[in-house]
PDB file of N, CA and C in Angstrom:
ATOM      1  N   MET A   1      34.210   6.908  17.023  1.00  0.00           N
ATOM      2  CA  MET A   1      34.010   7.089  15.605  1.00  0.00           C
ATOM      3  C   MET A   1      35.341   7.080  14.945  1.00  0.00           C
ATOM      4  N   LYS A   2      35.363   6.347  13.748  1.00  0.00           N
ATOM      5  CA  LYS A   2      36.390   6.389  12.860  1.00  0.00           C
ATOM      6  C   LYS A   2      35.944   6.667  11.485  1.00  0.00           C
ATOM      7  N   LEU A   3      36.716   7.425  10.847  1.00  0.00           N
ATOM      8  CA  LEU A   3      36.425   7.847   9.458  1.00  0.00           C
ATOM      9  C   LEU A   3      37.480   7.184   8.581  1.00  0.00           C
ATOM     10  N   LYS A   4      36.874   6.747   7.405  1.00  0.00           N
ATOM     11  CA  LYS A   4      37.829   6.210   6.276  1.00  0.00           C
ATOM     12  C   LYS A   4      37.300   6.723   5.017  1.00  0.00           C
ATOM     13  N   ILE A   5      38.185   7.448   4.383  1.00  0.00           N
ATOM     14  CA  ILE A   5      37.794   8.040   3.038  1.00  0.00           C
ATOM     15  C   ILE A   5      37.860   6.916   1.913  1.00  0.00           C
ATOM     16  N   LEU A   6      36.771   6.594   1.371  1.00  0.00           N
ATOM     17  CA  LEU A   6      36.722   5.551   0.362  1.00  0.00           C
ATOM     18  C   LEU A   6      36.989   6.077  -1.042  1.00  0.00           C
ATOM     19  N   LYS A   7      36.431   7.312  -1.234  1.00  0.00           N
ATOM     20  CA  LYS A   7      36.590   7.973  -2.546  1.00  0.00           C
ATOM     21  C   LYS A   7      36.633   9.434  -2.423  1.00  0.00           C
ATOM     22  N   ASN A   8      37.741  10.056  -3.152  1.00  0.00           N
ATOM     23  CA  ASN A   8      37.955  11.405  -2.926  1.00  0.00           C
ATOM     24  C   ASN A   8      38.212  12.011  -4.353  1.00  0.00           C
ATOM     25  N   GLU A   9      37.280  12.486  -5.069  1.00  0.00           N
ATOM     26  CA  GLU A   9      37.499  12.900  -6.359  1.00  0.00           C
ATOM     27  C   GLU A   9      37.120  14.341  -6.416  1.00  0.00           C
ATOM     28  N   SER A  10      37.194  15.076  -7.572  1.00  0.00           N
ATOM     29  CA  SER A  10      36.966  16.457  -7.701  1.00  0.00           C
ATOM     30  C   SER A  10      35.537  16.856  -7.448  1.00  0.00           C
ATOM     31  N   LYS A  11      34.525  15.964  -7.706  1.00  0.00           N
ATOM     32  CA  LYS A  11      33.191  16.166  -7.483  1.00  0.00           C
ATOM     33  C   LYS A  11      32.539  15.225  -6.483  1.00  0.00           C
ATOM     34  N   GLU A  12      33.118  14.096  -6.194  1.00  0.00           N
ATOM     35  CA  GLU A  12      32.489  13.131  -5.379  1.00  0.00           C
ATOM     36  C   GLU A  12      33.420  12.607  -4.139  1.00  0.00           C
ATOM     37  N   MET A  13      32.651  12.346  -3.065  1.00  0.00           N
ATOM     38  CA  MET A  13      33.476  11.699  -1.870  1.00  0.00           C
ATOM     39  C   MET A  13      32.413  10.672  -1.311  1.00  0.00           C
ATOM     40  N   GLU A  14      33.227   9.707  -0.835  1.00  0.00           N
ATOM     41  CA  GLU A  14      32.540   8.594   0.065  1.00  0.00           C
ATOM     42  C   GLU A  14      33.289   8.461   1.273  1.00  0.00           C
ATOM     43  N   LEU A  15      32.569   8.522   2.402  1.00  0.00           N
ATOM     44  CA  LEU A  15      33.225   8.344   3.675  1.00  0.00           C
ATOM     45  C   LEU A  15      32.589   7.103   4.432  1.00  0.00           C
ATOM     46  N   GLU A  16      33.411   6.385   5.109  1.00  0.00           N
ATOM     47  CA  GLU A  16      32.892   5.282   5.793  1.00  0.00           C
ATOM     48  C   GLU A  16      33.013   5.672   7.280  1.00  0.00           C
ATOM     49  N   VAL A  17      31.883   5.692   8.018  1.00  0.00           N
ATOM     50  CA  VAL A  17      31.864   6.173   9.407  1.00  0.00           C
ATOM     51  C   VAL A  17      31.595   5.061  10.308  1.00  0.00           C
ATOM     52  N   GLU A  18      32.692   4.667  10.971  1.00  0.00           N
ATOM     53  CA  GLU A  18      32.546   3.461  11.896  1.00  0.00           C
ATOM     54  C   GLU A  18      31.961   3.775  13.211  1.00  0.00           C
ATOM     55  N   GLY A  19      30.889   3.022  13.652  1.00  0.00           N
ATOM     56  CA  GLY A  19      30.442   3.280  15.016  1.00  0.00           C
ATOM     57  C   GLY A  19      29.156   4.241  14.980  1.00  0.00           C
ATOM     58  N   GLU A  20      28.715   4.635  13.870  1.00  0.00           N
ATOM     59  CA  GLU A  20      27.448   5.528  13.866  1.00  0.00           C
ATOM     60  C   GLU A  20      26.410   4.640  13.111  1.00  0.00           C
ATOM     61  N   GLY A  21      25.213   5.387  13.109  1.00  0.00           N
ATOM     62  CA  GLY A  21      24.029   4.772  12.522  1.00  0.00           C
ATOM     63  C   GLY A  21      23.260   5.840  11.829  1.00  0.00           C
ATOM     64  N   HIS A  22      21.898   5.528  11.580  1.00  0.00           N
ATOM     65  CA  HIS A  22      21.091   6.325  10.977  1.00  0.00           C
ATOM     66  C   HIS A  22      20.935   7.712  11.556  1.00  0.00           C
ATOM     67  N   THR A  23      20.831   7.856  12.767  1.00  0.00           N
ATOM     68  CA  THR A  23      20.641   9.174  13.501  1.00  0.00           C
ATOM     69  C   THR A  23      21.699  10.040  13.020  1.00  0.00           C
ATOM     70  N   PHE A  24      22.956   9.741  13.229  1.00  0.00           N
ATOM     71  CA  PHE A  24      23.959  10.688  12.828  1.00  0.00           C
ATOM     72  C   PHE A  24      24.122  10.943  11.400  1.00  0.00           C
ATOM     73  N   CYS A  25      24.062   9.824  10.569  1.00  0.00           N
ATOM     74  CA  CYS A  25      24.254  10.050   9.122  1.00  0.00           C
ATOM     75  C   CYS A  25      23.030  10.964   8.520  1.00  0.00           C
ATOM     76  N   ASN A  26      21.929  10.741   9.086  1.00  0.00           N
ATOM     77  CA  ASN A  26      20.748  11.466   8.620  1.00  0.00           C
ATOM     78  C   ASN A  26      21.003  13.020   8.745  1.00  0.00           C
ATOM     79  N   VAL A  27      21.517  13.334   9.996  1.00  0.00           N
ATOM     80  CA  VAL A  27      21.802  14.811  10.291  1.00  0.00           C
ATOM     81  C   VAL A  27      22.829  15.279   9.409  1.00  0.00           C
ATOM     82  N   VAL A  28      23.884  14.508   9.115  1.00  0.00           N
ATOM     83  CA  VAL A  28      24.962  15.022   8.296  1.00  0.00           C
ATOM     84  C   VAL A  28      24.526  15.181   6.826  1.00  0.00           C
ATOM     85  N   GLN A  29      23.706  14.167   6.429  1.00  0.00           N
ATOM     86  CA  GLN A  29      23.048  14.240   5.049  1.00  0.00           C
ATOM     87  C   GLN A  29      22.237  15.368   4.919  1.00  0.00           C
ATOM     88  N   GLU A  30      21.447  15.826   5.817  1.00  0.00           N
ATOM     89  CA  GLU A  30      20.500  16.906   5.772  1.00  0.00           C
ATOM     90  C   GLU A  30      21.367  18.276   5.749  1.00  0.00           C
ATOM     91  N   ALA A  31      22.385  18.311   6.587  1.00  0.00           N
ATOM     92  CA  ALA A  31      23.384  19.495   6.444  1.00  0.00           C
ATOM     93  C   ALA A  31      24.090  19.597   5.150  1.00  0.00           C
ATOM     94  N   LEU A  32      24.408  18.492   4.522  1.00  0.00           N
ATOM     95  CA  LEU A  32      24.979  18.541   3.201  1.00  0.00           C
ATOM     96  C   LEU A  32      23.976  18.971   2.086  1.00  0.00           C
ATOM     97  N   LEU A  33      22.721  18.560   2.275  1.00  0.00           N
ATOM     98  CA  LEU A  33      21.721  18.863   1.276  1.00  0.00           C
ATOM     99  C   LEU A  33      21.341  20.409   1.349  1.00  0.00           C
ATOM    100  N   GLU A  34      21.568  21.051   2.421  1.00  0.00           N
ATOM    101  CA  GLU A  34      21.467  22.448   2.553  1.00  0.00           C
ATOM    102  C   GLU A  34      22.311  23.262   1.755  1.00  0.00           C
ATOM    103  N   GLU A  35      23.420  22.618   1.414  1.00  0.00           N
ATOM    104  CA  GLU A  35      24.572  23.414   0.640  1.00  0.00           C
ATOM    105  C   GLU A  35      23.988  23.594  -0.791  1.00  0.00           C
ATOM    106  N   LYS A  36      24.124  24.780  -1.347  1.00  0.00           N
ATOM    107  CA  LYS A  36      23.774  24.927  -2.726  1.00  0.00           C
ATOM    108  C   LYS A  36      24.629  24.265  -3.794  1.00  0.00           C
ATOM    109  N   ALA A  37      25.871  24.042  -3.416  1.00  0.00           N
ATOM    110  CA  ALA A  37      26.916  23.396  -4.278  1.00  0.00           C
ATOM    111  C   ALA A  37      26.696  21.971  -4.385  1.00  0.00           C
ATOM    112  N   VAL A  38      25.816  21.345  -3.535  1.00  0.00           N
ATOM    113  CA  VAL A  38      25.522  19.890  -3.537  1.00  0.00           C
ATOM    114  C   VAL A  38      24.547  19.401  -4.508  1.00  0.00           C
ATOM    115  N   GLU A  39      24.976  18.446  -5.333  1.00  0.00           N
ATOM    116  CA  GLU A  39      23.975  17.931  -6.309  1.00  0.00           C
ATOM    117  C   GLU A  39      23.352  16.736  -5.800  1.00  0.00           C
ATOM    118  N   PHE A  40      23.986  15.977  -4.961  1.00  0.00           N
ATOM    119  CA  PHE A  40      23.580  14.711  -4.320  1.00  0.00           C
ATOM    120  C   PHE A  40      24.164  14.500  -2.971  1.00  0.00           C
ATOM    121  N   ALA A  41      23.480  14.071  -1.963  1.00  0.00           N
ATOM    122  CA  ALA A  41      23.928  13.559  -0.667  1.00  0.00           C
ATOM    123  C   ALA A  41      23.072  12.474  -0.119  1.00  0.00           C
ATOM    124  N   GLY A  42      23.738  11.526   0.355  1.00  0.00           N
ATOM    125  CA  GLY A  42      23.004  10.329   0.977  1.00  0.00           C
ATOM    126  C   GLY A  42      23.914   9.433   1.804  1.00  0.00           C
ATOM    127  N   TYR A  43      23.338   8.459   2.285  1.00  0.00           N
ATOM    128  CA  TYR A  43      24.176   7.532   2.946  1.00  0.00           C
ATOM    129  C   TYR A  43      23.423   6.115   2.929  1.00  0.00           C
ATOM    130  N   SER A  44      24.250   5.047   3.169  1.00  0.00           N
ATOM    131  CA  SER A  44      23.730   3.821   3.160  1.00  0.00           C
ATOM    132  C   SER A  44      24.450   2.863   4.312  1.00  0.00           C
ATOM    133  N   LEU A  45      23.633   2.023   4.864  1.00  0.00           N
ATOM    134  CA  LEU A  45      24.138   1.099   5.785  1.00  0.00           C
ATOM    135  C   LEU A  45      24.129  -0.334   5.023  1.00  0.00           C
ATOM    136  N   PRO A  46      25.440  -0.693   4.479  1.00  0.00           N
ATOM    137  CA  PRO A  46      25.538  -1.820   3.702  1.00  0.00           C
ATOM    138  C   PRO A  46      25.126  -3.084   4.612  1.00  0.00           C
ATOM    139  N   HIS A  47      25.331  -3.148   5.826  1.00  0.00           N
ATOM    140  CA  HIS A  47      25.033  -4.409   6.582  1.00  0.00           C
ATOM    141  C   HIS A  47      24.219  -3.899   7.868  1.00  0.00           C
ATOM    142  N   PRO A  48      23.023  -4.478   8.206  1.00  0.00           N
ATOM    143  CA  PRO A  48      22.457  -4.054   9.398  1.00  0.00           C
ATOM    144  C   PRO A  48      23.075  -4.429  10.783  1.00  0.00           C
ATOM    145  N   LEU A  49      23.899  -5.345  10.567  1.00  0.00           N
ATOM    146  CA  LEU A  49      24.560  -5.735  11.936  1.00  0.00           C
ATOM    147  C   LEU A  49      25.792  -5.115  12.199  1.00  0.00           C
ATOM    148  N   VAL A  50      26.527  -4.434  11.285  1.00  0.00           N
ATOM    149  CA  VAL A  50      27.744  -3.846  11.295  1.00  0.00           C
ATOM    150  C   VAL A  50      27.523  -2.290  11.004  1.00  0.00           C
ATOM    151  N   SER A  51      27.926  -1.570  12.195  1.00  0.00           N
ATOM    152  CA  SER A  51      27.557  -0.048  12.046  1.00  0.00           C
ATOM    153  C   SER A  51      28.779   0.657  11.321  1.00  0.00           C
ATOM    154  N   HIS A  52      28.862   0.535  10.023  1.00  0.00           N
ATOM    155  CA  HIS A  52      29.745   1.191   9.168  1.00  0.00           C
ATOM    156  C   HIS A  52      29.052   1.789   7.937  1.00  0.00           C
ATOM    157  N   PRO A  53      28.201   2.793   8.147  1.00  0.00           N
ATOM    158  CA  PRO A  53      27.609   3.459   7.178  1.00  0.00           C
ATOM    159  C   PRO A  53      28.541   4.284   6.310  1.00  0.00           C
ATOM    160  N   ILE A  54      28.052   4.480   5.106  1.00  0.00           N
ATOM    161  CA  ILE A  54      28.903   5.260   4.119  1.00  0.00           C
ATOM    162  C   ILE A  54      28.007   6.429   3.609  1.00  0.00           C
ATOM    163  N   ILE A  55      28.733   7.597   3.810  1.00  0.00           N
ATOM    164  CA  ILE A  55      28.158   8.980   3.496  1.00  0.00           C
ATOM    165  C   ILE A  55      28.705   9.275   2.090  1.00  0.00           C
ATOM    166  N   TYR A  56      27.824   9.706   1.182  1.00  0.00           N
ATOM    167  CA  TYR A  56      28.053  10.013  -0.163  1.00  0.00           C
ATOM    168  C   TYR A  56      27.698  11.556  -0.399  1.00  0.00           C
ATOM    169  N   VAL A  57      28.638  12.173  -1.030  1.00  0.00           N
ATOM    170  CA  VAL A  57      28.343  13.530  -1.604  1.00  0.00           C
ATOM    171  C   VAL A  57      28.913  13.733  -2.915  1.00  0.00           C
ATOM    172  N   ARG A  58      28.151  14.422  -3.719  1.00  0.00           N
ATOM    173  CA  ARG A  58      28.525  14.761  -5.097  1.00  0.00           C
ATOM    174  C   ARG A  58      28.212  16.333  -5.259  1.00  0.00           C
ATOM    175  N   THR A  59      29.187  17.130  -5.677  1.00  0.00           N
ATOM    176  CA  THR A  59      28.975  18.578  -5.880  1.00  0.00           C
ATOM    177  C   THR A  59      28.537  18.778  -7.283  1.00  0.00           C
ATOM    178  N   LYS A  60      28.195  19.925  -7.438  1.00  0.00           N
ATOM    179  CA  LYS A  60      27.936  20.438  -8.938  1.00  0.00           C
ATOM    180  C   LYS A  60      29.111  20.953  -9.659  1.00  0.00           C
ATOM    181  N   GLY A  61      30.222  20.822  -8.936  1.00  0.00           N
ATOM    182  CA  GLY A  61      31.579  21.067  -9.640  1.00  0.00           C
ATOM    183  C   GLY A  61      32.202  22.464  -9.354  1.00  0.00           C
ATOM    184  N   ARG A  62      31.491  23.381  -8.697  1.00  0.00           N
ATOM    185  CA  ARG A  62      32.038  24.649  -8.425  1.00  0.00           C
ATOM    186  C   ARG A  62      32.813  24.635  -7.185  1.00  0.00           C
ATOM    187  N   THR A  63      32.838  23.648  -6.167  1.00  0.00           N
ATOM    188  CA  THR A  63      33.616  23.466  -5.255  1.00  0.00           C
ATOM    189  C   THR A  63      33.914  21.976  -4.956  1.00  0.00           C
ATOM    190  N   THR A  64      34.819  21.691  -4.066  1.00  0.00           N
ATOM    191  CA  THR A  64      35.277  20.272  -3.859  1.00  0.00           C
ATOM    192  C   THR A  64      34.256  19.791  -2.708  1.00  0.00           C
ATOM    193  N   PRO A  65      34.207  18.486  -2.721  1.00  0.00           N
ATOM    194  CA  PRO A  65      33.396  17.879  -1.522  1.00  0.00           C
ATOM    195  C   PRO A  65      33.963  18.132  -0.253  1.00  0.00           C
ATOM    196  N   THR A  66      35.293  18.288  -0.070  1.00  0.00           N
ATOM    197  CA  THR A  66      35.830  18.665   1.148  1.00  0.00           C
ATOM    198  C   THR A  66      35.382  19.925   1.721  1.00  0.00           C
ATOM    199  N   ARG A  67      35.328  20.867   0.873  1.00  0.00           N
ATOM    200  CA  ARG A  67      34.902  22.122   1.298  1.00  0.00           C
ATOM    201  C   ARG A  67      33.413  22.230   1.723  1.00  0.00           C
ATOM    202  N   VAL A  68      32.659  21.433   0.825  1.00  0.00           N
ATOM    203  CA  VAL A  68      31.261  21.370   1.191  1.00  0.00           C
ATOM    204  C   VAL A  68      30.979  20.712   2.426  1.00  0.00           C
ATOM    205  N   PHE A  69      31.667  19.620   2.851  1.00  0.00           N
ATOM    206  CA  PHE A  69      31.600  18.869   4.139  1.00  0.00           C
ATOM    207  C   PHE A  69      31.978  20.067   5.212  1.00  0.00           C
ATOM    208  N   GLU A  70      33.057  20.841   5.090  1.00  0.00           N
ATOM    209  CA  GLU A  70      33.594  21.837   5.914  1.00  0.00           C
ATOM    210  C   GLU A  70      32.309  22.812   6.332  1.00  0.00           C
ATOM    211  N   ARG A  71      31.780  23.385   5.252  1.00  0.00           N
ATOM    212  CA  ARG A  71      30.728  24.367   5.367  1.00  0.00           C
ATOM    213  C   ARG A  71      29.490  23.819   6.044  1.00  0.00           C
ATOM    214  N   ALA A  72      29.164  22.509   5.631  1.00  0.00           N
ATOM    215  CA  ALA A  72      27.886  21.927   6.067  1.00  0.00           C
ATOM    216  C   ALA A  72      28.207  21.605   7.668  1.00  0.00           C
ATOM    217  N   LEU A  73      29.334  21.063   8.067  1.00  0.00           N
ATOM    218  CA  LEU A  73      29.515  20.644   9.446  1.00  0.00           C
ATOM    219  C   LEU A  73      29.657  21.947  10.314  1.00  0.00           C
ATOM    220  N   LYS A  74      30.180  22.980   9.716  1.00  0.00           N
ATOM    221  CA  LYS A  74      30.237  24.297  10.424  1.00  0.00           C
ATOM    222  C   LYS A  74      28.919  24.806  10.786  1.00  0.00           C
ATOM    223  N   ASN A  75      28.095  24.745   9.775  1.00  0.00           N
ATOM    224  CA  ASN A  75      26.737  25.176   9.963  1.00  0.00           C
ATOM    225  C   ASN A  75      25.943  24.345  10.962  1.00  0.00           C
ATOM    226  N   LEU A  76      26.202  23.091  10.917  1.00  0.00           N
ATOM    227  CA  LEU A  76      25.545  22.103  11.784  1.00  0.00           C
ATOM    228  C   LEU A  76      26.012  22.424  13.179  1.00  0.00           C
ATOM    229  N   GLU A  77      27.284  22.740  13.473  1.00  0.00           N
ATOM    230  CA  GLU A  77      27.834  23.019  14.679  1.00  0.00           C
ATOM    231  C   GLU A  77      27.214  24.326  15.231  1.00  0.00           C
ATOM    232  N   LYS A  78      27.074  25.306  14.438  1.00  0.00           N
ATOM    233  CA  LYS A  78      26.448  26.576  14.803  1.00  0.00           C
ATOM    234  C   LYS A  78      24.879  26.163  15.397  1.00  0.00           C
ATOM    235  N   ARG A  79      24.202  25.470  14.630  1.00  0.00           N
ATOM    236  CA  ARG A  79      22.933  25.060  15.055  1.00  0.00           C
ATOM    237  C   ARG A  79      22.779  24.300  16.307  1.00  0.00           C
ATOM    238  N   ILE A  80      23.758  23.375  16.508  1.00  0.00           N
ATOM    239  CA  ILE A  80      23.897  22.673  17.748  1.00  0.00           C
ATOM    240  C   ILE A  80      24.091  23.623  18.897  1.00  0.00           C
ATOM    241  N   VAL A  81      25.130  24.421  18.849  1.00  0.00           N
ATOM    242  CA  VAL A  81      25.431  25.461  19.746  1.00  0.00           C
ATOM    243  C   VAL A  81      24.111  26.362  20.182  1.00  0.00           C
ATOM    244  N   GLU A  82      23.521  26.743  19.045  1.00  0.00           N
ATOM    245  CA  GLU A  82      22.196  27.527  19.368  1.00  0.00           C
ATOM    246  C   GLU A  82      21.048  26.779  20.037  1.00  0.00           C
ATOM    247  N   PHE A  83      21.060  25.460  19.675  1.00  0.00           N
ATOM    248  CA  PHE A  83      19.996  24.599  20.295  1.00  0.00           C
ATOM    249  C   PHE A  83      20.375  24.467  21.803  1.00  0.00           C
ATOM    250  N   LYS A  84      21.666  24.236  22.037  1.00  0.00           N
ATOM    251  CA  LYS A  84      22.248  23.993  23.512  1.00  0.00           C
ATOM    252  C   LYS A  84      21.884  25.232  24.308  1.00  0.00           C
ATOM    253  N   LYS A  85      22.048  26.417  23.678  1.00  0.00           N
ATOM    254  CA  LYS A  85      21.799  27.654  24.387  1.00  0.00           C
ATOM    255  C   LYS A  85      20.300  27.872  24.686  1.00  0.00           C
ATOM    256  N   GLU A  86      19.462  27.604  23.686  1.00  0.00           N
ATOM    257  CA  GLU A  86      18.110  27.696  23.911  1.00  0.00           C
ATOM    258  C   GLU A  86      17.588  26.714  24.892  1.00  0.00           C
ATOM    259  N   PHE A  87      18.116  25.455  24.869  1.00  0.00           N
ATOM    260  CA  PHE A  87      17.728  24.448  25.906  1.00  0.00           C
ATOM    261  C   PHE A  87      17.990  24.860  27.206  1.00  0.00           C
ATOM    262  N   ASN A  88      19.397  25.390  27.479  1.00  0.00           N
ATOM    263  CA  ASN A  88      19.757  25.837  28.720  1.00  0.00           C
ATOM    264  C   ASN A  88      18.823  26.929  29.285  1.00  0.00           C
ATOM    265  N   LYS A  89      18.503  27.922  28.477  1.00  0.00           N
ATOM    266  CA  LYS A  89      17.523  29.000  28.877  1.00  0.00           C
ATOM    267  C   LYS A  89      16.327  28.443  29.294  1.00  0.00           C
ATOM    268  N   SER A  90      15.818  27.565  28.579  1.00  0.00           N
ATOM    269  CA  SER A  90      14.509  26.946  28.762  1.00  0.00           C
ATOM    270  C   SER A  90      14.512  26.134  30.142  1.00  0.00           C
ATOM    271  N   TRP A  91      15.529  25.464  30.311  1.00  0.00           N
ATOM    272  CA  TRP A  91      15.742  24.672  31.451  1.00  0.00           C
ATOM    273  C   TRP A  91      15.831  25.433  32.763  1.00  0.00           C
ATOM    274  N   GLU A  92      16.553  26.501  32.604  1.00  0.00           N
ATOM    275  CA  GLU A  92      16.745  27.534  33.755  1.00  0.00           C
ATOM    276  C   GLU A  92      15.444  28.216  34.117  1.00  0.00           C
ATOM    277  N   LYS A  93      14.584  28.561  33.062  1.00  0.00           N
ATOM    278  CA  LYS A  93      13.274  29.192  33.161  1.00  0.00           C
ATOM    279  C   LYS A  93      12.324  28.279  33.823  1.00  0.00           C
ATOM    280  N   ASN A  94      12.330  26.938  33.574  1.00  0.00           N
ATOM    281  CA  ASN A  94      11.408  26.130  34.089  1.00  0.00           C
ATOM    282  C   ASN A  94      11.798  25.320  35.367  1.00  0.00           C
ATOM    283  N   HIS A  95      13.066  25.573  35.789  1.00  0.00           N
ATOM    284  CA  HIS A  95      13.520  24.925  37.073  1.00  0.00           C
ATOM    285  C   HIS A  95      14.092  25.857  38.180  1.00  0.00           C
ATOM    286  N   GLN A  96      13.274  27.008  38.206  1.00  0.00           N
ATOM    287  CA  GLN A  96      13.685  28.103  39.313  1.00  0.00           C
ATOM    288  C   GLN A  96      12.870  27.767  40.470  1.00  0.00           C
TER     289      GLN A  96
END
C-alpha cells in the first residue's frame, strides 16, 4: 500500500491509496463518518482496472482532516483488536 496526499487544506483532504479497493476504502469511510467533526467522507475508484482509489474527507471546520483521520483510524484499530480478541476466544471455545 502506498499513500499519496492529493489535497490537504484546512477542512478537506484527498488521499490516493495505491493497491487497495472497495473493501478497505469502505471501512475507512465508515470510520470517518462516525466522527462528529466530519461533514463528508467518501471514496472513488476512478478506473476499475487500476487499484488507486481516492478517499475524501471534509470537516465542519472545528478540527483538521489530519486529526479526524488519526481519531478515526485509532478507533478502527481498537475495534479490530477487540474483534481479534473475541474471535480468538470463540475459536478456543469451539476447538477444545
